[in-house]
Amino acid sequence: MERVLWSLGQDLKLNIVKSKNCTLFDSEGREYIDLEAGIWSSSIGHGKSEVLEIIKEQADKVIHTGYCYADPIINDASETILDILDFKDGKCGFLCAGSESVVLGVRILQTLLNDKFLLTFSNGYFGSYGDARDKNENSWIHFDWIKNCSDCSKECGSCDSFKSIPFDKIGGFVFEPGSSDFIKFPPNQLVVSIVNKIKFQDGFVLSNEVTTGLGRTGKWFGFNHYNIKPDIVTFGKSLGNGYPVSAVAINEKIAGVLAEEEFYYCQSHGNDALGASVAKKVIEIIERDNLVEESNKKGSYLLSKIEEIAKSSKIIKEVRGRGLMISIEFNNSKNDIAHEVSHELFKNGFIVSNFKGMRHIRIDPAYTIEKTHIDGFLDAFKSIMNIFQNN
């Protein structure tokens, strides 16, 4: 791997030669249980035969389309996404990565809102590039809900922090229903209050579902936990089950306004047939196999068992999660303890998400993970916590 450019700070670089569901096999015959689903993407398991078959089938027809022609599968896949969102008469477009989908979604909002600001939460992550990443203060307003609202007991809208938000200057709310880095979920009352305020003045709401969408949180979408209805939804990760495809869906109202604005956006791999066919198949499998409920059930079980372990541990600060999106945060009494724990888990055959300097580990396995693998992780984690507790 000496010729590979690594830029994420990870130090576990295995030579994986085969994968099946949640099990990875390296070049030396060792097995590992993948508890981060690749990069949280292989939501229905590595090497899913039906997805591989649809890739081969579509590749025999057409992979890439141009500006002047398209494969009917693109429209079929769009209808599949719009159906699960209940975006009747909306529109959907496909790209390659989650970052691209958020950039396009934000570009659409900025086109509609002209000089109005976009509101977002300070800890949101919207991708690797563009204005969605930079969130420049000339066009974005940031609200720090962790600082202002974590311990607040007041009725939302009555406090000085909420009143300080200049809603008269804001035309849209870009919402992440669960921070992808730390897995922290904004308070329900706060989100609903902001959305109601934005909608009351004819503004728009974008929900970034790249990490939280398609069952990851135990519901179809992260915004379902807040009983709100966004106007734009961005997809990525789970949509391709490891294949690089993302999407942007807009409702009928946005589609109508956008048509009048003559909105243009060029991207070499926009609306590729192969990506669209994979996205359609992944959603069909999630629906057919009831995998959203599987994520909810398995996540509830895993979260409750981790919380039991945490009760007797002095080094665990907090456990957070929804569905199969779980974070274990450690106290900072010992340097890089989360990193050390991730390495001990690796020695026991379990791969979790952690980067040097972070005080937490993430657990985001496929919804198809077997209970024996969940229990195996719990046994290993409990033993490791006992060792650290006594050191």
Protein backbone atom coordinates (compact mmCIF):
# COMPACT_ATOMS: atom_id res chain seq x y z
CA MET A 1 0.00 0.00 0.00
CA GLU A 2 3.05 2.28 -0.16
CA ARG A 3 1.82 3.95 -3.37
CA VAL A 4 -1.61 4.82 -1.97
CA LEU A 5 -2.29 8.37 -0.83
CA TRP A 6 -3.97 8.19 2.58
CA SER A 7 -5.35 11.48 3.86
CA LEU A 8 -7.82 10.55 6.59
CA GLY A 9 -5.44 9.87 9.49
CA GLN A 10 -6.36 6.20 9.80
CA ASP A 11 -3.52 3.84 10.66
CA LEU A 12 -5.25 0.48 10.09
CA LYS A 13 -4.69 -0.36 6.45
CA LEU A 14 -5.54 -3.99 5.77
CA ASN A 15 -5.14 -5.89 2.54
CA ILE A 16 -8.74 -7.04 2.21
CA VAL A 17 -9.26 -9.53 -0.60
CA LYS A 18 -12.84 -10.63 0.04
CA SER A 19 -15.95 -9.48 1.88
CA LYS A 20 -19.35 -10.93 2.70
CA ASN A 21 -22.03 -9.09 4.63
CA CYS A 22 -20.13 -7.77 7.70
CA THR A 23 -17.10 -10.07 7.45
CA LEU A 24 -13.84 -8.99 5.82
CA PHE A 25 -11.10 -11.43 4.82
CA ASP A 26 -7.49 -10.25 4.50
CA SER A 27 -4.70 -11.59 2.32
CA GLU A 28 -3.37 -13.73 5.16
CA GLY A 29 -6.67 -15.48 5.83
CA ARG A 30 -7.71 -13.50 8.92
CA GLU A 31 -11.32 -12.42 9.41
CA TYR A 32 -12.64 -9.13 10.76
CA ILE A 33 -16.15 -7.91 11.54
CA ASP A 34 -16.74 -4.54 9.91
CA LEU A 35 -18.69 -2.38 12.36
CA GLU A 36 -18.45 0.79 10.27
CA ALA A 37 -19.87 -0.61 7.00
CA GLY A 38 -16.89 0.58 5.01
CA ILE A 39 -17.35 4.32 5.37
CA TRP A 40 -20.88 3.85 6.75
CA SER A 41 -21.98 2.99 3.23
CA SER A 42 -22.47 -0.78 2.90
CA SER A 43 -25.76 -0.67 4.75
CA ILE A 44 -27.13 -3.93 3.35
CA GLY A 45 -23.84 -5.82 3.60
CA HIS A 46 -20.68 -6.21 1.58
CA GLY A 47 -20.90 -8.33 -1.56
CA LYS A 48 -24.70 -8.25 -1.78
CA SER A 49 -25.35 -10.60 -4.71
CA GLU A 50 -28.41 -8.75 -6.01
CA VAL A 51 -26.50 -5.47 -6.16
CA LEU A 52 -23.59 -7.13 -7.96
CA GLU A 53 -26.00 -8.69 -10.43
CA ILE A 54 -27.70 -5.38 -11.22
CA ILE A 55 -24.27 -3.80 -11.79
CA LYS A 56 -23.41 -6.50 -14.33
CA GLU A 57 -26.83 -6.30 -15.96
CA GLN A 58 -26.75 -2.51 -16.34
CA ALA A 59 -23.10 -2.53 -17.44
CA ASP A 60 -24.11 -4.70 -20.37
CA LYS A 61 -26.55 -1.97 -21.49
CA VAL A 62 -25.11 1.47 -20.76
CA ILE A 63 -23.00 2.78 -17.87
CA HIS A 64 -22.59 6.46 -18.59
CA THR A 65 -24.98 8.85 -20.31
CA GLY A 66 -24.50 12.33 -21.72
CA TYR A 67 -26.21 15.71 -21.70
CA CYS A 68 -28.50 14.82 -24.60
CA TYR A 69 -29.58 11.26 -23.83
CA ALA A 70 -30.53 9.07 -20.88
CA ASP A 71 -31.42 5.51 -19.94
CA PRO A 72 -35.02 5.00 -18.66
CA ILE A 73 -33.59 3.49 -15.45
CA ILE A 74 -32.71 7.02 -14.33
CA ASN A 75 -36.36 8.05 -14.32
CA ASP A 76 -37.39 4.76 -12.67
CA ALA A 77 -34.82 5.25 -9.89
CA SER A 78 -35.96 8.86 -9.44
CA GLU A 79 -39.56 7.71 -8.96
CA THR A 80 -38.40 5.14 -6.38
CA ILE A 81 -36.72 7.84 -4.30
CA LEU A 82 -39.57 10.32 -4.68
CA ASP A 83 -42.06 7.63 -3.59
CA ILE A 84 -40.33 6.90 -0.27
CA LEU A 85 -40.15 10.65 0.38
CA ASP A 86 -43.77 11.21 -0.70
CA PHE A 87 -42.50 13.97 -3.03
CA LYS A 88 -45.33 13.69 -5.54
CA ASP A 89 -44.43 15.48 -8.78
CA GLY A 90 -40.97 16.26 -7.43
CA LYS A 91 -37.69 15.62 -9.21
CA CYS A 92 -34.51 13.72 -8.44
CA GLY A 93 -30.96 13.82 -9.81
CA PHE A 94 -28.02 11.46 -9.31
CA LEU A 95 -24.35 12.20 -8.69
CA CYS A 96 -21.39 10.23 -7.34
CA ALA A 97 -20.66 11.28 -3.73
CA GLY A 98 -22.56 12.65 -0.76
CA SER A 99 -20.52 15.85 -0.80
CA GLU A 100 -21.67 16.50 -4.36
CA SER A 101 -25.32 16.02 -3.47
CA VAL A 102 -25.13 18.54 -0.62
CA VAL A 103 -23.26 21.04 -2.80
CA LEU A 104 -25.98 20.75 -5.45
CA GLY A 105 -28.75 21.01 -2.85
CA VAL A 106 -27.19 24.14 -1.38
CA ARG A 107 -26.65 25.59 -4.86
CA ILE A 108 -30.36 25.13 -5.55
CA LEU A 109 -31.27 26.93 -2.34
CA GLN A 110 -28.92 29.80 -3.04
CA THR A 111 -30.38 30.18 -6.53
CA LEU A 112 -33.90 30.45 -5.11
CA LEU A 113 -33.06 32.69 -2.17
CA ASN A 114 -30.86 35.25 -3.93
CA ASP A 115 -29.17 37.28 -1.18
CA LYS A 116 -30.87 35.64 1.82
CA PHE A 117 -28.79 33.69 4.34
CA LEU A 118 -28.83 29.99 5.07
CA LEU A 119 -29.15 28.88 8.68
CA THR A 120 -27.40 25.78 9.96
CA PHE A 121 -26.10 24.24 13.17
CA SER A 122 -22.46 24.88 13.98
CA ASN A 123 -21.44 21.24 14.27
CA GLY A 124 -22.90 20.13 10.93
CA TYR A 125 -20.73 18.42 8.32
CA PHE A 126 -21.85 18.95 4.73
CA GLY A 127 -19.01 17.54 2.67
CA SER A 128 -15.45 17.99 1.53
CA TYR A 129 -15.62 21.04 -0.70
CA GLY A 130 -17.54 24.08 -1.90
CA ASP A 131 -19.69 26.52 0.00
CA ALA A 132 -21.43 23.65 1.77
CA ARG A 133 -18.14 22.82 3.45
CA ASP A 134 -16.90 26.38 4.06
CA LYS A 135 -20.25 27.78 5.26
CA ASN A 136 -18.92 31.27 4.75
CA GLU A 137 -20.27 33.86 7.18
CA ASN A 138 -21.16 36.12 4.25
CA SER A 139 -23.96 33.73 3.30
CA TRP A 140 -24.43 31.42 6.31
CA ILE A 141 -25.64 31.92 9.87
CA HIS A 142 -24.45 29.37 12.42
CA PHE A 143 -26.38 28.39 15.54
CA ASP A 144 -24.52 26.45 18.24
CA TRP A 145 -27.26 24.25 19.70
CA ILE A 146 -24.78 22.23 21.79
CA LYS A 147 -23.68 25.38 23.62
CA ASN A 148 -27.08 27.07 23.79
CA CYS A 149 -29.61 24.25 24.06
CA SER A 150 -28.06 21.08 25.54
CA ASP A 151 -29.15 21.86 29.09
CA CYS A 152 -31.96 24.30 28.35
CA SER A 153 -35.31 23.74 30.06
CA LYS A 154 -37.09 26.78 28.63
CA GLU A 155 -39.83 26.66 26.05
CA CYS A 156 -38.12 26.89 22.66
CA GLY A 157 -38.38 30.35 21.16
CA SER A 158 -38.48 32.15 24.48
CA CYS A 159 -34.76 32.24 25.25
CA ASP A 160 -32.34 34.98 24.19
CA SER A 161 -30.26 32.58 22.10
CA PHE A 162 -33.21 31.66 19.87
CA LYS A 163 -34.38 35.26 19.69
CA SER A 164 -30.91 36.27 18.48
CA ILE A 165 -31.35 34.29 15.25
CA PRO A 166 -32.07 36.91 12.53
CA PHE A 167 -34.89 35.03 10.80
CA ASP A 168 -35.78 38.13 8.76
CA LYS A 169 -32.48 37.65 6.87
CA ILE A 170 -32.78 33.87 6.51
CA GLY A 171 -34.38 32.06 3.57
CA GLY A 172 -33.40 28.46 4.21
CA PHE A 173 -32.39 25.95 6.86
CA VAL A 174 -29.76 23.32 6.05
CA PHE A 175 -30.30 20.57 8.60
CA GLU A 176 -28.21 17.55 9.56
CA PRO A 177 -30.42 15.22 11.67
CA GLY A 178 -27.44 13.68 13.49
CA SER A 179 -23.87 14.94 13.31
CA SER A 180 -21.83 12.49 11.31
CA ASP A 181 -18.66 12.98 13.35
CA PHE A 182 -19.90 12.89 16.93
CA ILE A 183 -23.42 11.48 16.58
CA LYS A 184 -25.22 14.17 18.50
CA PHE A 185 -28.90 14.79 17.85
CA PRO A 186 -30.39 18.31 18.09
CA PRO A 187 -33.41 18.72 20.41
CA ASN A 188 -36.76 18.02 18.78
CA GLN A 189 -38.38 21.22 20.00
CA LEU A 190 -35.56 23.37 18.62
CA VAL A 191 -35.65 21.79 15.15
CA VAL A 192 -39.43 22.01 14.88
CA SER A 193 -39.41 25.64 16.04
CA ILE A 194 -36.81 26.61 13.45
CA VAL A 195 -38.57 24.75 10.63
CA ASN A 196 -41.93 26.31 11.52
CA LYS A 197 -40.36 29.76 11.54
CA ILE A 198 -38.64 29.21 8.19
CA LYS A 199 -41.75 27.75 6.56
CA PHE A 200 -43.97 30.54 7.93
CA GLN A 201 -41.96 33.08 5.96
CA ASP A 202 -41.96 30.92 2.78
CA GLY A 203 -38.41 29.67 3.25
CA PHE A 204 -37.09 26.22 2.42
CA VAL A 205 -35.59 23.32 4.40
CA LEU A 206 -32.86 20.97 3.20
CA SER A 207 -32.26 17.76 5.14
CA ASN A 208 -28.80 16.27 4.69
CA GLU A 209 -29.43 12.51 4.86
CA VAL A 210 -26.07 11.37 3.48
CA THR A 211 -25.24 9.68 6.79
CA THR A 212 -28.64 9.39 8.46
CA GLY A 213 -30.82 8.37 5.52
CA LEU A 214 -32.29 5.07 4.32
CA GLY A 215 -32.68 3.39 7.69
CA ARG A 216 -29.43 4.22 9.45
CA THR A 217 -31.21 5.80 12.44
CA GLY A 218 -33.96 3.17 12.69
CA LYS A 219 -36.34 5.27 10.58
CA TRP A 220 -36.30 5.82 6.84
CA PHE A 221 -34.79 9.27 7.33
CA GLY A 222 -33.21 11.23 10.14
CA PHE A 223 -35.80 13.98 9.74
CA ASN A 224 -38.54 11.42 10.57
CA HIS A 225 -37.45 11.68 14.21
CA TYR A 226 -38.55 15.33 14.14
CA ASN A 227 -41.88 15.06 12.33
CA ILE A 228 -40.88 17.71 9.79
CA LYS A 229 -41.18 17.80 6.01
CA PRO A 230 -38.11 19.11 4.14
CA ASP A 231 -38.22 20.55 0.63
CA ILE A 232 -34.86 19.11 -0.45
CA VAL A 233 -33.24 15.85 0.66
CA THR A 234 -29.67 14.84 -0.13
CA PHE A 235 -28.48 11.21 -0.21
CA GLY A 236 -25.19 9.36 -0.33
CA LYS A 237 -23.37 6.49 1.41
CA SER A 238 -26.12 3.88 1.96
CA LEU A 239 -27.75 4.68 -1.37
CA GLY A 240 -25.10 2.72 -3.28
CA ASN A 241 -24.18 0.10 -0.66
CA GLY A 242 -20.54 0.84 -1.44
CA TYR A 243 -21.00 1.85 -5.07
CA PRO A 244 -20.34 5.62 -5.52
CA VAL A 245 -23.77 7.13 -6.11
CA SER A 246 -25.63 9.99 -4.44
CA ALA A 247 -28.83 11.88 -5.13
CA VAL A 248 -30.72 15.10 -4.60
CA ALA A 249 -34.52 15.05 -4.37
CA ILE A 250 -36.68 18.17 -4.52
CA ASN A 251 -40.40 18.53 -3.92
CA GLU A 252 -42.97 19.87 -6.39
CA LYS A 253 -42.74 23.44 -5.12
CA ILE A 254 -38.96 23.63 -5.52
CA ALA A 255 -39.16 21.93 -8.92
CA GLY A 256 -41.66 24.50 -10.12
CA VAL A 257 -39.66 27.52 -8.97
CA LEU A 258 -36.45 26.02 -10.31
CA ALA A 259 -37.97 25.58 -13.76
CA GLU A 260 -38.78 29.28 -13.86
CA GLU A 261 -35.23 30.17 -12.79
CA GLU A 262 -33.68 28.09 -15.62
CA PHE A 263 -31.26 26.49 -13.19
CA TYR A 264 -28.13 24.88 -14.71
CA TYR A 265 -25.63 22.54 -13.09
CA CYS A 266 -22.99 20.58 -15.03
CA GLN A 267 -21.26 17.47 -13.78
CA SER A 268 -19.63 14.78 -15.92
CA HIS A 269 -21.25 11.91 -14.07
CA GLY A 270 -24.62 13.43 -13.28
CA ASN A 271 -27.50 11.00 -13.82
CA ASP A 272 -25.37 8.02 -14.81
CA ALA A 273 -27.43 4.94 -15.53
CA LEU A 274 -25.24 2.54 -13.55
CA GLY A 275 -25.44 4.53 -10.34
CA ALA A 276 -29.19 5.02 -10.73
CA SER A 277 -29.75 1.29 -11.22
CA VAL A 278 -27.78 0.49 -8.07
CA ALA A 279 -29.70 3.09 -6.03
CA LYS A 280 -33.04 1.68 -7.17
CA LYS A 281 -32.03 -1.88 -6.29
CA VAL A 282 -30.70 -0.91 -2.85
CA ILE A 283 -33.94 0.83 -1.91
CA GLU A 284 -35.98 -2.13 -3.17
CA ILE A 285 -33.96 -4.51 -0.96
CA ILE A 286 -34.32 -2.26 2.09
CA GLU A 287 -38.09 -2.13 1.57
CA ARG A 288 -38.53 -5.81 0.77
CA ASP A 289 -36.43 -7.13 3.66
CA ASN A 290 -37.81 -4.62 6.19
CA LEU A 291 -34.27 -3.46 6.94
CA VAL A 292 -35.30 -0.13 8.46
CA GLU A 293 -37.02 -2.04 11.26
CA GLU A 294 -34.01 -4.38 11.47
CA SER A 295 -31.79 -1.34 12.00
CA ASN A 296 -34.13 -0.11 14.72
CA LYS A 297 -34.32 -3.45 16.55
CA LYS A 298 -30.64 -4.33 16.32
CA GLY A 299 -29.61 -0.78 17.17
CA SER A 300 -31.86 -0.68 20.26
CA TYR A 301 -30.41 -3.99 21.46
CA LEU A 302 -26.80 -2.94 20.83
CA LEU A 303 -27.27 0.49 22.40
CA SER A 304 -28.91 -0.91 25.55
CA LYS A 305 -26.10 -3.45 26.04
CA ILE A 306 -23.39 -0.81 25.58
CA GLU A 307 -25.19 1.42 28.09
CA GLU A 308 -25.13 -1.46 30.60
CA ILE A 309 -21.37 -1.75 30.17
CA ALA A 310 -20.99 2.02 30.48
CA LYS A 311 -22.77 2.09 33.85
CA SER A 312 -19.91 0.20 35.48
CA SER A 313 -17.15 2.01 33.61
CA LYS A 314 -15.42 5.15 34.80
CA ILE A 315 -13.76 5.79 31.47
CA ILE A 316 -16.94 6.03 29.36
CA LYS A 317 -18.37 9.54 29.40
CA GLU A 318 -21.49 9.06 27.27
CA VAL A 319 -23.19 6.66 24.87
CA ARG A 320 -25.36 8.11 22.10
CA GLY A 321 -27.27 6.52 19.28
CA ARG A 322 -30.28 6.03 17.07
CA GLY A 323 -30.75 2.82 15.15
CA LEU A 324 -27.38 1.48 14.03
CA MET A 325 -25.67 4.85 14.40
CA ILE A 326 -23.89 4.73 17.75
CA SER A 327 -21.08 6.66 19.42
CA ILE A 328 -19.17 5.78 22.59
CA GLU A 329 -17.43 8.84 24.02
CA PHE A 330 -14.64 8.39 26.57
CA ASN A 331 -13.40 10.64 29.33
CA ASN A 332 -10.19 12.50 28.54
CA SER A 333 -8.42 11.33 31.70
CA LYS A 334 -6.16 9.26 29.49
CA ASN A 335 -4.71 10.44 26.18
CA ASP A 336 -6.09 8.80 23.05
CA ILE A 337 -8.06 6.23 25.04
CA ALA A 338 -10.62 5.92 22.22
CA HIS A 339 -7.79 5.19 19.80
CA GLU A 340 -6.37 2.55 22.13
CA VAL A 341 -9.79 0.94 22.54
CA SER A 342 -10.26 0.81 18.77
CA HIS A 343 -6.89 -0.96 18.44
CA GLU A 344 -7.79 -3.50 21.12
CA LEU A 345 -11.06 -4.19 19.33
CA PHE A 346 -9.12 -4.63 16.11
CA LYS A 347 -6.92 -7.23 17.78
CA ASN A 348 -10.14 -9.05 18.70
CA GLY A 349 -11.31 -8.94 15.08
CA PHE A 350 -13.66 -5.93 15.18
CA ILE A 351 -13.24 -2.75 13.11
CA VAL A 352 -14.81 0.45 14.43
CA SER A 353 -14.49 4.06 13.31
CA ASN A 354 -11.93 6.22 15.10
CA PHE A 355 -9.35 8.80 14.19
CA LYS A 356 -6.40 9.93 16.29
CA GLY A 357 -7.33 12.76 18.63
CA MET A 358 -11.04 11.85 18.78
CA ARG A 359 -12.45 10.88 22.15
CA HIS A 360 -15.06 8.52 20.76
CA ILE A 361 -15.55 5.47 18.58
CA ARG A 362 -18.37 5.06 16.09
CA ILE A 363 -20.34 1.90 15.41
CA ASP A 364 -22.30 1.90 12.15
CA PRO A 365 -22.60 -1.69 10.88
CA ALA A 366 -24.77 -2.98 8.06
CA TYR A 367 -28.44 -3.45 8.95
CA THR A 368 -27.93 -7.10 8.01
CA ILE A 369 -25.35 -7.72 10.75
CA GLU A 370 -25.83 -11.07 12.49
CA LYS A 371 -26.70 -11.13 16.19
CA THR A 372 -23.76 -13.44 16.88
CA HIS A 373 -21.44 -10.71 15.59
CA ILE A 374 -23.15 -8.09 17.77
CA ASP A 375 -22.81 -10.31 20.83
CA GLY A 376 -19.20 -11.09 19.93
CA PHE A 377 -18.42 -7.39 19.84
CA LEU A 378 -20.17 -6.79 23.16
CA ASP A 379 -18.16 -9.57 24.84
CA ALA A 380 -14.90 -8.19 23.45
CA PHE A 381 -15.79 -4.60 24.38
CA LYS A 382 -16.77 -5.57 27.92
CA SER A 383 -13.48 -7.43 28.43
CA ILE A 384 -11.48 -4.51 27.07
CA MET A 385 -13.31 -2.06 29.36
CA ASN A 386 -12.50 -4.28 32.36
CA ILE A 387 -8.81 -4.23 31.42
CA PHE A 388 -8.73 -0.45 30.99
CA GLN A 389 -10.70 0.01 34.19
CA ASN A 390 -8.06 -1.80 36.19
CA ASN A 391 -5.07 -0.01 34.66
